[in-house]
Amino acid sequence: MRESVSEPWVVLVDKPAGWTSHDVVAVARGALSATRIGHAGTLDPFATGLLVLGVGRATRILEYLVGLTKAYETRVFLGAATDTLDPEGERILEDDNWRGLGHDRLSGVLTGMTGRLMLTPPRYSAIKVGGVPAHRRVRRGEKVELPARDVTVHSMELLDVDLPEVRFRVECSSGTYVRSLAAEYGRRLGTAAHLAALRRIRVGDFRVDRASSVESLRTGQIPDRSRVGVGESLSHLERVEVDRREAEMLSTGRRIRTEARDASPVAFFLPGDELVAIGAVRDGVLEPRKVFRRV
């Protein structure tokens, strides 16, 4: 039996290599007979791992999930750089400078890359330049220069060394291009480098071991563990419970006096995890900005 999308919910999917994020969304749309499906952060085709989908009305909460911290397991190839910074590009530089790198050096450089970094995104990326994705401009032969981004790397852990390949785990802020991180790792080691493999293992508190396979998604047989209620999906936000009368007022856009502390964004719920609205608490007033409950 296919799942109902009458109520908003989030589904976790393990994207296989070779698929675009749009491919997964298209399968979900057909399998679930849902016209509105979106995701909370894309993955490159060569990458695998966790894709967070919003189904039906849950597409309206995706903006509150996009910015969650993400964790990846990566494999970096030392001694060769590609024009795309990943395995799908053409090799543009090779060297033997990786030879002789020891475990302490490899680990120490990783540790030194935690904290705030300025990283330049790959030219082959979906970042828009003048309304056109950068990768499209580059493939048309145009010169593209992207400004460096301020990102935060919360942790990096060396997992395995089999030179010229190195495996590590990274936890970083949303918007961090791990391809750029791999290239920077090589630069600090004094050798060329590119990202050889990437697997996203976590988005916020969502973990890939809960995710549905694409095949299960295709047949509509999504495991219960892969379906996430809206209450859990928004657990990282401040939460204020309201009663029925307050819910009706918020549903019509009216503001309500409260003793709750100021915060933004805030999820307003009825008991039982029924989402009423998302907004803010400001100067002792509940302010709805996006209403979910119909009056």
C-alpha atoms as a PDB file:
ATOM      1  CA  MET A   1       0.000   0.000   0.000  1.00  0.00           C
ATOM      2  CA  ARG A   2       1.318   3.419  -0.885  1.00  0.00           C
ATOM      3  CA  GLU A   3       1.833   5.997   1.813  1.00  0.00           C
ATOM      4  CA  SER A   4      -0.615   8.841   2.344  1.00  0.00           C
ATOM      5  CA  VAL A   5       0.791  12.331   1.978  1.00  0.00           C
ATOM      6  CA  SER A   6      -2.261  14.091   3.398  1.00  0.00           C
ATOM      7  CA  GLU A   7      -0.245  15.034   6.501  1.00  0.00           C
ATOM      8  CA  PRO A   8       3.201  16.606   6.321  1.00  0.00           C
ATOM      9  CA  TRP A   9       6.141  14.293   6.974  1.00  0.00           C
ATOM     10  CA  VAL A  10       9.789  13.879   6.108  1.00  0.00           C
ATOM     11  CA  VAL A  11      11.372  10.794   4.574  1.00  0.00           C
ATOM     12  CA  LEU A  12      15.046   9.848   4.774  1.00  0.00           C
ATOM     13  CA  VAL A  13      16.586   8.234   1.687  1.00  0.00           C
ATOM     14  CA  ASP A  14      20.018   6.698   1.066  1.00  0.00           C
ATOM     15  CA  LYS A  15      20.999   8.050  -2.355  1.00  0.00           C
ATOM     16  CA  PRO A  16      23.122   5.666  -4.432  1.00  0.00           C
ATOM     17  CA  ALA A  17      26.079   6.726  -6.559  1.00  0.00           C
ATOM     18  CA  GLY A  18      25.229   7.827 -10.083  1.00  0.00           C
ATOM     19  CA  TRP A  19      21.889   9.354  -9.104  1.00  0.00           C
ATOM     20  CA  THR A  20      21.194  13.067  -8.922  1.00  0.00           C
ATOM     21  CA  SER A  21      19.150  14.404  -6.039  1.00  0.00           C
ATOM     22  CA  HIS A  22      16.502  15.308  -8.613  1.00  0.00           C
ATOM     23  CA  ASP A  23      16.373  11.655  -9.720  1.00  0.00           C
ATOM     24  CA  VAL A  24      15.488  10.614  -6.164  1.00  0.00           C
ATOM     25  CA  VAL A  25      12.829  13.333  -5.903  1.00  0.00           C
ATOM     26  CA  ALA A  26      11.321  12.161  -9.207  1.00  0.00           C
ATOM     27  CA  VAL A  27      11.086   8.557  -7.950  1.00  0.00           C
ATOM     28  CA  ALA A  28       9.470   9.724  -4.718  1.00  0.00           C
ATOM     29  CA  ARG A  29       6.981  11.901  -6.572  1.00  0.00           C
ATOM     30  CA  GLY A  30       5.858   8.995  -8.733  1.00  0.00           C
ATOM     31  CA  ALA A  31       5.818   6.364  -6.002  1.00  0.00           C
ATOM     32  CA  LEU A  32       3.942   8.491  -3.485  1.00  0.00           C
ATOM     33  CA  SER A  33       1.637  10.202  -5.979  1.00  0.00           C
ATOM     34  CA  ALA A  34       2.721  13.506  -4.498  1.00  0.00           C
ATOM     35  CA  THR A  35       3.008  16.688  -6.544  1.00  0.00           C
ATOM     36  CA  ARG A  36       5.063  18.503  -3.935  1.00  0.00           C
ATOM     37  CA  ILE A  37       8.358  16.925  -2.896  1.00  0.00           C
ATOM     38  CA  GLY A  38      11.636  18.678  -2.217  1.00  0.00           C
ATOM     39  CA  HIS A  39      14.946  18.032  -0.483  1.00  0.00           C
ATOM     40  CA  ALA A  40      16.930  19.784   2.248  1.00  0.00           C
ATOM     41  CA  GLY A  41      20.316  19.834   0.535  1.00  0.00           C
ATOM     42  CA  THR A  42      21.593  18.278  -2.663  1.00  0.00           C
ATOM     43  CA  LEU A  43      24.268  15.622  -3.151  1.00  0.00           C
ATOM     44  CA  ASP A  44      26.541  15.406  -6.186  1.00  0.00           C
ATOM     45  CA  PRO A  45      25.848  12.431  -8.488  1.00  0.00           C
ATOM     46  CA  PHE A  46      29.062  10.600  -7.486  1.00  0.00           C
ATOM     47  CA  ALA A  47      28.211  10.969  -3.773  1.00  0.00           C
ATOM     48  CA  THR A  48      26.061   8.617  -1.713  1.00  0.00           C
ATOM     49  CA  GLY A  49      24.178   8.866   1.520  1.00  0.00           C
ATOM     50  CA  LEU A  50      21.489  10.744   3.338  1.00  0.00           C
ATOM     51  CA  LEU A  51      18.966  12.820   1.430  1.00  0.00           C
ATOM     52  CA  VAL A  52      16.213  14.462   3.482  1.00  0.00           C
ATOM     53  CA  LEU A  53      12.939  14.764   1.550  1.00  0.00           C
ATOM     54  CA  GLY A  54       9.907  16.819   2.477  1.00  0.00           C
ATOM     55  CA  VAL A  55       6.609  15.388   1.206  1.00  0.00           C
ATOM     56  CA  GLY A  56       3.423  17.397   0.645  1.00  0.00           C
ATOM     57  CA  ARG A  57       3.049  20.235   3.119  1.00  0.00           C
ATOM     58  CA  ALA A  58       6.378  19.258   4.679  1.00  0.00           C
ATOM     59  CA  THR A  59       8.091  20.992   1.759  1.00  0.00           C
ATOM     60  CA  ARG A  60       7.267  24.177   3.657  1.00  0.00           C
ATOM     61  CA  ILE A  61       9.553  23.230   6.553  1.00  0.00           C
ATOM     62  CA  LEU A  62      12.574  22.380   4.385  1.00  0.00           C
ATOM     63  CA  GLU A  63      13.975  25.893   4.758  1.00  0.00           C
ATOM     64  CA  TYR A  64      14.394  25.140   8.472  1.00  0.00           C
ATOM     65  CA  LEU A  65      16.340  21.916   7.711  1.00  0.00           C
ATOM     66  CA  VAL A  66      18.681  23.153   4.977  1.00  0.00           C
ATOM     67  CA  GLY A  67      20.988  24.891   7.432  1.00  0.00           C
ATOM     68  CA  LEU A  68      21.533  21.912   9.747  1.00  0.00           C
ATOM     69  CA  THR A  69      25.082  20.705  10.408  1.00  0.00           C
ATOM     70  CA  LYS A  70      26.137  17.843   8.138  1.00  0.00           C
ATOM     71  CA  ALA A  71      28.568  14.951   8.591  1.00  0.00           C
ATOM     72  CA  TYR A  72      30.375  12.994   5.870  1.00  0.00           C
ATOM     73  CA  GLU A  73      32.804  10.141   5.410  1.00  0.00           C
ATOM     74  CA  THR A  74      35.244  10.919   2.640  1.00  0.00           C
ATOM     75  CA  ARG A  75      38.048   9.375   0.651  1.00  0.00           C
ATOM     76  CA  VAL A  76      40.685  11.769  -0.690  1.00  0.00           C
ATOM     77  CA  PHE A  77      43.183  10.846  -3.401  1.00  0.00           C
ATOM     78  CA  LEU A  78      46.539  12.530  -2.934  1.00  0.00           C
ATOM     79  CA  GLY A  79      48.943  13.326  -5.743  1.00  0.00           C
ATOM     80  CA  ALA A  80      46.364  14.246  -8.382  1.00  0.00           C
ATOM     81  CA  ALA A  81      44.110  17.259  -8.862  1.00  0.00           C
ATOM     82  CA  THR A  82      41.087  17.385 -11.175  1.00  0.00           C
ATOM     83  CA  ASP A  83      39.318  20.377 -12.694  1.00  0.00           C
ATOM     84  CA  THR A  84      36.099  19.489 -10.851  1.00  0.00           C
ATOM     85  CA  LEU A  85      37.863  18.564  -7.571  1.00  0.00           C
ATOM     86  CA  ASP A  86      36.150  15.150  -7.720  1.00  0.00           C
ATOM     87  CA  PRO A  87      36.635  11.817  -9.552  1.00  0.00           C
ATOM     88  CA  GLU A  88      34.464  12.850 -12.495  1.00  0.00           C
ATOM     89  CA  GLY A  89      36.804  15.574 -13.719  1.00  0.00           C
ATOM     90  CA  GLU A  90      39.942  15.583 -15.829  1.00  0.00           C
ATOM     91  CA  ARG A  91      43.308  15.350 -14.112  1.00  0.00           C
ATOM     92  CA  ILE A  92      45.096  18.678 -14.401  1.00  0.00           C
ATOM     93  CA  LEU A  93      48.047  18.126 -12.060  1.00  0.00           C
ATOM     94  CA  GLU A  94      49.969  15.161 -10.673  1.00  0.00           C
ATOM     95  CA  ASP A  95      52.866  14.880  -8.252  1.00  0.00           C
ATOM     96  CA  ASP A  96      54.630  12.457  -5.921  1.00  0.00           C
ATOM     97  CA  ASN A  97      54.751  14.771  -2.925  1.00  0.00           C
ATOM     98  CA  TRP A  98      52.437  12.474  -0.966  1.00  0.00           C
ATOM     99  CA  ARG A  99      55.131   9.833  -0.728  1.00  0.00           C
ATOM    100  CA  GLY A 100      56.603   9.687   2.729  1.00  0.00           C
ATOM    101  CA  LEU A 101      53.696  11.437   4.460  1.00  0.00           C
ATOM    102  CA  GLY A 102      53.270   9.830   7.870  1.00  0.00           C
ATOM    103  CA  HIS A 103      50.202   9.228   9.992  1.00  0.00           C
ATOM    104  CA  ASP A 104      51.041  12.043  12.419  1.00  0.00           C
ATOM    105  CA  ARG A 105      51.364  14.581   9.603  1.00  0.00           C
ATOM    106  CA  LEU A 106      48.169  13.440   7.904  1.00  0.00           C
ATOM    107  CA  SER A 107      46.233  13.568  11.164  1.00  0.00           C
ATOM    108  CA  GLY A 108      47.770  16.813  12.378  1.00  0.00           C
ATOM    109  CA  VAL A 109      46.838  18.724   9.237  1.00  0.00           C
ATOM    110  CA  LEU A 110      43.253  17.506   9.559  1.00  0.00           C
ATOM    111  CA  THR A 111      43.081  18.687  13.143  1.00  0.00           C
ATOM    112  CA  GLY A 112      44.437  22.071  12.092  1.00  0.00           C
ATOM    113  CA  MET A 113      41.570  22.521   9.637  1.00  0.00           C
ATOM    114  CA  THR A 114      38.849  22.647  12.288  1.00  0.00           C
ATOM    115  CA  GLY A 115      37.166  25.928  13.113  1.00  0.00           C
ATOM    116  CA  ARG A 116      36.256  28.743  10.744  1.00  0.00           C
ATOM    117  CA  LEU A 117      37.747  28.545   7.266  1.00  0.00           C
ATOM    118  CA  MET A 118      37.538  30.600   4.097  1.00  0.00           C
ATOM    119  CA  LEU A 119      37.017  28.103   1.271  1.00  0.00           C
ATOM    120  CA  THR A 120      36.469  28.832  -2.400  1.00  0.00           C
ATOM    121  CA  PRO A 121      33.611  26.728  -3.843  1.00  0.00           C
ATOM    122  CA  PRO A 122      34.353  24.598  -6.910  1.00  0.00           C
ATOM    123  CA  ARG A 123      33.809  26.305 -10.252  1.00  0.00           C
ATOM    124  CA  TYR A 124      31.856  23.198 -11.230  1.00  0.00           C
ATOM    125  CA  SER A 125      29.013  23.819  -8.788  1.00  0.00           C
ATOM    126  CA  ALA A 126      25.367  24.859  -8.798  1.00  0.00           C
ATOM    127  CA  ILE A 127      26.142  28.288  -7.328  1.00  0.00           C
ATOM    128  CA  LYS A 128      24.497  30.831  -9.596  1.00  0.00           C
ATOM    129  CA  VAL A 129      26.488  33.595 -11.225  1.00  0.00           C
ATOM    130  CA  GLY A 130      24.215  36.160 -12.807  1.00  0.00           C
ATOM    131  CA  GLY A 131      21.322  33.726 -12.522  1.00  0.00           C
ATOM    132  CA  VAL A 132      23.200  30.895 -14.292  1.00  0.00           C
ATOM    133  CA  PRO A 133      24.781  27.895 -12.474  1.00  0.00           C
ATOM    134  CA  ALA A 134      28.554  28.263 -12.379  1.00  0.00           C
ATOM    135  CA  HIS A 135      29.148  24.779 -13.832  1.00  0.00           C
ATOM    136  CA  ARG A 136      27.085  25.697 -16.888  1.00  0.00           C
ATOM    137  CA  ARG A 137      29.124  28.849 -17.503  1.00  0.00           C
ATOM    138  CA  VAL A 138      32.409  26.931 -17.128  1.00  0.00           C
ATOM    139  CA  ARG A 139      31.287  24.276 -19.620  1.00  0.00           C
ATOM    140  CA  ARG A 140      30.432  27.072 -22.069  1.00  0.00           C
ATOM    141  CA  GLY A 141      34.043  28.191 -21.846  1.00  0.00           C
ATOM    142  CA  GLU A 142      33.395  31.231 -19.678  1.00  0.00           C
ATOM    143  CA  LYS A 143      35.809  32.291 -16.965  1.00  0.00           C
ATOM    144  CA  VAL A 144      34.189  31.966 -13.546  1.00  0.00           C
ATOM    145  CA  GLU A 145      35.637  33.267 -10.295  1.00  0.00           C
ATOM    146  CA  LEU A 146      33.661  32.423  -7.165  1.00  0.00           C
ATOM    147  CA  PRO A 147      34.308  34.285  -3.907  1.00  0.00           C
ATOM    148  CA  ALA A 148      35.552  32.348  -0.889  1.00  0.00           C
ATOM    149  CA  ARG A 149      32.941  31.381   1.697  1.00  0.00           C
ATOM    150  CA  ASP A 150      33.171  31.524   5.455  1.00  0.00           C
ATOM    151  CA  VAL A 151      32.420  27.975   6.671  1.00  0.00           C
ATOM    152  CA  THR A 152      32.816  26.150   9.956  1.00  0.00           C
ATOM    153  CA  VAL A 153      34.425  22.734  10.292  1.00  0.00           C
ATOM    154  CA  HIS A 154      33.341  21.321  13.644  1.00  0.00           C
ATOM    155  CA  SER A 155      35.504  18.195  13.574  1.00  0.00           C
ATOM    156  CA  MET A 156      37.740  16.103  11.323  1.00  0.00           C
ATOM    157  CA  GLU A 157      38.834  12.575  12.170  1.00  0.00           C
ATOM    158  CA  LEU A 158      41.319  10.430  10.295  1.00  0.00           C
ATOM    159  CA  LEU A 159      39.797   6.992   9.676  1.00  0.00           C
ATOM    160  CA  ASP A 160      42.253   5.131   7.476  1.00  0.00           C
ATOM    161  CA  VAL A 161      45.446   5.636   5.486  1.00  0.00           C
ATOM    162  CA  ASP A 162      46.279   3.641   2.357  1.00  0.00           C
ATOM    163  CA  LEU A 163      48.453   6.058   0.414  1.00  0.00           C
ATOM    164  CA  PRO A 164      47.850   7.725  -1.886  1.00  0.00           C
ATOM    165  CA  GLU A 165      44.315   7.552  -0.421  1.00  0.00           C
ATOM    166  CA  VAL A 166      43.199   8.891   2.940  1.00  0.00           C
ATOM    167  CA  ARG A 167      39.797   8.389   4.567  1.00  0.00           C
ATOM    168  CA  PHE A 168      38.394  10.789   7.123  1.00  0.00           C
ATOM    169  CA  ARG A 169      35.135  11.884   8.739  1.00  0.00           C
ATOM    170  CA  VAL A 170      34.134  15.546   8.741  1.00  0.00           C
ATOM    171  CA  GLU A 171      31.337  17.446  10.467  1.00  0.00           C
ATOM    172  CA  CYS A 172      30.753  20.884   9.002  1.00  0.00           C
ATOM    173  CA  SER A 173      28.330  23.723   8.550  1.00  0.00           C
ATOM    174  CA  SER A 174      25.769  23.744   5.769  1.00  0.00           C
ATOM    175  CA  GLY A 175      27.152  25.186   2.542  1.00  0.00           C
ATOM    176  CA  THR A 176      30.592  23.602   2.960  1.00  0.00           C
ATOM    177  CA  TYR A 177      31.841  22.038  -0.269  1.00  0.00           C
ATOM    178  CA  VAL A 178      33.762  18.952   0.829  1.00  0.00           C
ATOM    179  CA  ARG A 179      35.446  18.940  -2.588  1.00  0.00           C
ATOM    180  CA  SER A 180      37.034  22.266  -1.676  1.00  0.00           C
ATOM    181  CA  LEU A 181      37.938  20.891   1.737  1.00  0.00           C
ATOM    182  CA  ALA A 182      39.755  17.966   0.086  1.00  0.00           C
ATOM    183  CA  ALA A 183      41.691  20.303  -2.193  1.00  0.00           C
ATOM    184  CA  GLU A 184      42.656  22.490   0.782  1.00  0.00           C
ATOM    185  CA  TYR A 185      43.802  19.402   2.679  1.00  0.00           C
ATOM    186  CA  GLY A 186      46.131  18.568  -0.173  1.00  0.00           C
ATOM    187  CA  ARG A 187      47.424  22.132  -0.373  1.00  0.00           C
ATOM    188  CA  ARG A 188      48.317  22.094   3.331  1.00  0.00           C
ATOM    189  CA  LEU A 189      50.062  18.755   2.886  1.00  0.00           C
ATOM    190  CA  GLY A 190      51.997  20.127  -0.064  1.00  0.00           C
ATOM    191  CA  THR A 191      50.473  17.830  -2.673  1.00  0.00           C
ATOM    192  CA  ALA A 192      47.683  17.857  -5.231  1.00  0.00           C
ATOM    193  CA  ALA A 193      44.422  16.216  -4.120  1.00  0.00           C
ATOM    194  CA  HIS A 194      40.840  15.576  -5.111  1.00  0.00           C
ATOM    195  CA  LEU A 195      37.782  14.059  -3.488  1.00  0.00           C
ATOM    196  CA  ALA A 196      37.532  10.426  -4.589  1.00  0.00           C
ATOM    197  CA  ALA A 197      34.396   9.399  -2.680  1.00  0.00           C
ATOM    198  CA  LEU A 198      31.823  11.062  -0.440  1.00  0.00           C
ATOM    199  CA  ARG A 199      29.077   9.665   1.754  1.00  0.00           C
ATOM    200  CA  ARG A 200      26.757  11.854   3.817  1.00  0.00           C
ATOM    201  CA  ILE A 201      26.064  10.088   7.088  1.00  0.00           C
ATOM    202  CA  ARG A 202      24.143  12.706   9.033  1.00  0.00           C
ATOM    203  CA  VAL A 203      22.048  15.866   8.651  1.00  0.00           C
ATOM    204  CA  GLY A 204      21.354  17.435  12.030  1.00  0.00           C
ATOM    205  CA  ASP A 205      20.140  14.508  14.143  1.00  0.00           C
ATOM    206  CA  PHE A 206      19.010  12.472  11.115  1.00  0.00           C
ATOM    207  CA  ARG A 207      21.332   9.535  10.427  1.00  0.00           C
ATOM    208  CA  VAL A 208      21.798   7.523   7.265  1.00  0.00           C
ATOM    209  CA  ASP A 209      21.218   4.213   9.089  1.00  0.00           C
ATOM    210  CA  ARG A 210      17.540   5.239   9.321  1.00  0.00           C
ATOM    211  CA  ALA A 211      17.268   5.913   5.598  1.00  0.00           C
ATOM    212  CA  SER A 212      15.168   4.019   3.082  1.00  0.00           C
ATOM    213  CA  SER A 213      16.734   2.498  -0.009  1.00  0.00           C
ATOM    214  CA  VAL A 214      15.680   3.936  -3.363  1.00  0.00           C
ATOM    215  CA  GLU A 215      14.100   0.580  -4.224  1.00  0.00           C
ATOM    216  CA  SER A 216      11.879   0.700  -1.138  1.00  0.00           C
ATOM    217  CA  LEU A 217      11.029   4.287  -1.999  1.00  0.00           C
ATOM    218  CA  ARG A 218      10.154   3.282  -5.569  1.00  0.00           C
ATOM    219  CA  THR A 219       7.630   0.684  -4.370  1.00  0.00           C
ATOM    220  CA  GLY A 220       6.200   2.949  -1.679  1.00  0.00           C
ATOM    221  CA  GLN A 221       7.274   0.499   1.047  1.00  0.00           C
ATOM    222  CA  ILE A 222       9.120   3.005   3.189  1.00  0.00           C
ATOM    223  CA  PRO A 223      10.297   1.638   6.567  1.00  0.00           C
ATOM    224  CA  ASP A 224       8.783   3.312   9.601  1.00  0.00           C
ATOM    225  CA  ARG A 225      12.258   4.311  10.779  1.00  0.00           C
ATOM    226  CA  SER A 226      12.685   6.380   7.598  1.00  0.00           C
ATOM    227  CA  ARG A 227       9.526   8.426   8.121  1.00  0.00           C
ATOM    228  CA  VAL A 228       9.975  11.382  10.420  1.00  0.00           C
ATOM    229  CA  GLY A 229       7.090  13.300  11.945  1.00  0.00           C
ATOM    230  CA  VAL A 230       7.068  17.065  11.771  1.00  0.00           C
ATOM    231  CA  GLY A 231       7.559  17.341  15.533  1.00  0.00           C
ATOM    232  CA  GLU A 232      10.819  15.407  15.391  1.00  0.00           C
ATOM    233  CA  SER A 233      11.880  17.173  12.200  1.00  0.00           C
ATOM    234  CA  LEU A 234      11.640  20.546  13.934  1.00  0.00           C
ATOM    235  CA  SER A 235      13.049  19.439  17.293  1.00  0.00           C
ATOM    236  CA  HIS A 236      16.055  21.722  16.797  1.00  0.00           C
ATOM    237  CA  LEU A 237      13.792  24.795  16.888  1.00  0.00           C
ATOM    238  CA  GLU A 238      12.474  26.505  19.985  1.00  0.00           C
ATOM    239  CA  ARG A 239       9.022  25.075  20.744  1.00  0.00           C
ATOM    240  CA  VAL A 240       5.951  26.725  22.252  1.00  0.00           C
ATOM    241  CA  GLU A 241       2.768  24.748  22.940  1.00  0.00           C
ATOM    242  CA  VAL A 242      -0.511  26.572  22.435  1.00  0.00           C
ATOM    243  CA  ASP A 243      -4.137  25.735  23.213  1.00  0.00           C
ATOM    244  CA  ARG A 244      -6.996  25.495  20.720  1.00  0.00           C
ATOM    245  CA  ARG A 245      -8.049  29.124  21.078  1.00  0.00           C
ATOM    246  CA  GLU A 246      -4.478  30.346  20.580  1.00  0.00           C
ATOM    247  CA  ALA A 247      -4.066  27.992  17.626  1.00  0.00           C
ATOM    248  CA  GLU A 248      -7.106  29.506  15.919  1.00  0.00           C
ATOM    249  CA  MET A 249      -5.729  32.996  16.450  1.00  0.00           C
ATOM    250  CA  LEU A 250      -2.288  32.071  15.090  1.00  0.00           C
ATOM    251  CA  SER A 251      -3.919  30.333  12.108  1.00  0.00           C
ATOM    252  CA  THR A 252      -5.473  33.634  11.061  1.00  0.00           C
ATOM    253  CA  GLY A 253      -2.215  35.530  11.486  1.00  0.00           C
ATOM    254  CA  ARG A 254      -3.063  37.197  14.770  1.00  0.00           C
ATOM    255  CA  ARG A 255      -0.444  37.855  17.440  1.00  0.00           C
ATOM    256  CA  ILE A 256      -0.763  36.615  21.006  1.00  0.00           C
ATOM    257  CA  ARG A 257       0.707  37.836  24.276  1.00  0.00           C
ATOM    258  CA  THR A 258       2.895  35.230  25.979  1.00  0.00           C
ATOM    259  CA  GLU A 259       5.319  34.683  28.815  1.00  0.00           C
ATOM    260  CA  ALA A 260       7.608  32.605  26.580  1.00  0.00           C
ATOM    261  CA  ARG A 261      11.121  33.934  26.084  1.00  0.00           C
ATOM    262  CA  ASP A 262      12.076  35.741  22.910  1.00  0.00           C
ATOM    263  CA  ALA A 263      13.393  33.456  20.158  1.00  0.00           C
ATOM    264  CA  SER A 264      13.343  32.994  16.388  1.00  0.00           C
ATOM    265  CA  PRO A 265      12.445  30.800  14.641  1.00  0.00           C
ATOM    266  CA  VAL A 266       9.891  29.158  16.943  1.00  0.00           C
ATOM    267  CA  ALA A 267       7.541  26.256  16.176  1.00  0.00           C
ATOM    268  CA  PHE A 268       4.052  26.588  17.654  1.00  0.00           C
ATOM    269  CA  PHE A 269       2.426  23.227  18.366  1.00  0.00           C
ATOM    270  CA  LEU A 270      -0.834  21.943  19.739  1.00  0.00           C
ATOM    271  CA  PRO A 271      -0.509  19.015  22.174  1.00  0.00           C
ATOM    272  CA  GLY A 272       0.011  15.862  20.121  1.00  0.00           C
ATOM    273  CA  ASP A 273       2.595  17.379  17.770  1.00  0.00           C
ATOM    274  CA  GLU A 274       0.145  19.162  15.458  1.00  0.00           C
ATOM    275  CA  LEU A 275       2.106  22.000  13.910  1.00  0.00           C
ATOM    276  CA  VAL A 276       0.183  25.258  13.938  1.00  0.00           C
ATOM    277  CA  ALA A 277       2.729  27.759  12.675  1.00  0.00           C
ATOM    278  CA  ILE A 278       6.366  28.767  12.620  1.00  0.00           C
ATOM    279  CA  GLY A 279       7.316  32.260  13.611  1.00  0.00           C
ATOM    280  CA  ALA A 280       8.952  34.131  16.447  1.00  0.00           C
ATOM    281  CA  VAL A 281       8.497  35.260  20.004  1.00  0.00           C
ATOM    282  CA  ARG A 282       9.361  38.928  20.228  1.00  0.00           C
ATOM    283  CA  ASP A 283       8.844  41.292  23.152  1.00  0.00           C
ATOM    284  CA  GLY A 284       6.424  38.864  24.786  1.00  0.00           C
ATOM    285  CA  VAL A 285       4.323  38.323  21.658  1.00  0.00           C
ATOM    286  CA  LEU A 286       3.834  35.187  19.528  1.00  0.00           C
ATOM    287  CA  GLU A 287       4.220  36.198  15.887  1.00  0.00           C
ATOM    288  CA  PRO A 288       3.180  33.632  13.249  1.00  0.00           C
ATOM    289  CA  ARG A 289       5.066  33.883   9.948  1.00  0.00           C
ATOM    290  CA  LYS A 290       4.222  30.616   8.228  1.00  0.00           C
ATOM    291  CA  VAL A 291       0.870  29.000   9.080  1.00  0.00           C
ATOM    292  CA  PHE A 292       0.297  25.246   8.693  1.00  0.00           C
ATOM    293  CA  ARG A 293      -2.989  24.617  10.492  1.00  0.00           C
ATOM    294  CA  ARG A 294      -6.158  25.328   8.592  1.00  0.00           C
ATOM    295  CA  VAL A 295      -8.926  27.034  10.527  1.00  0.00           C
END
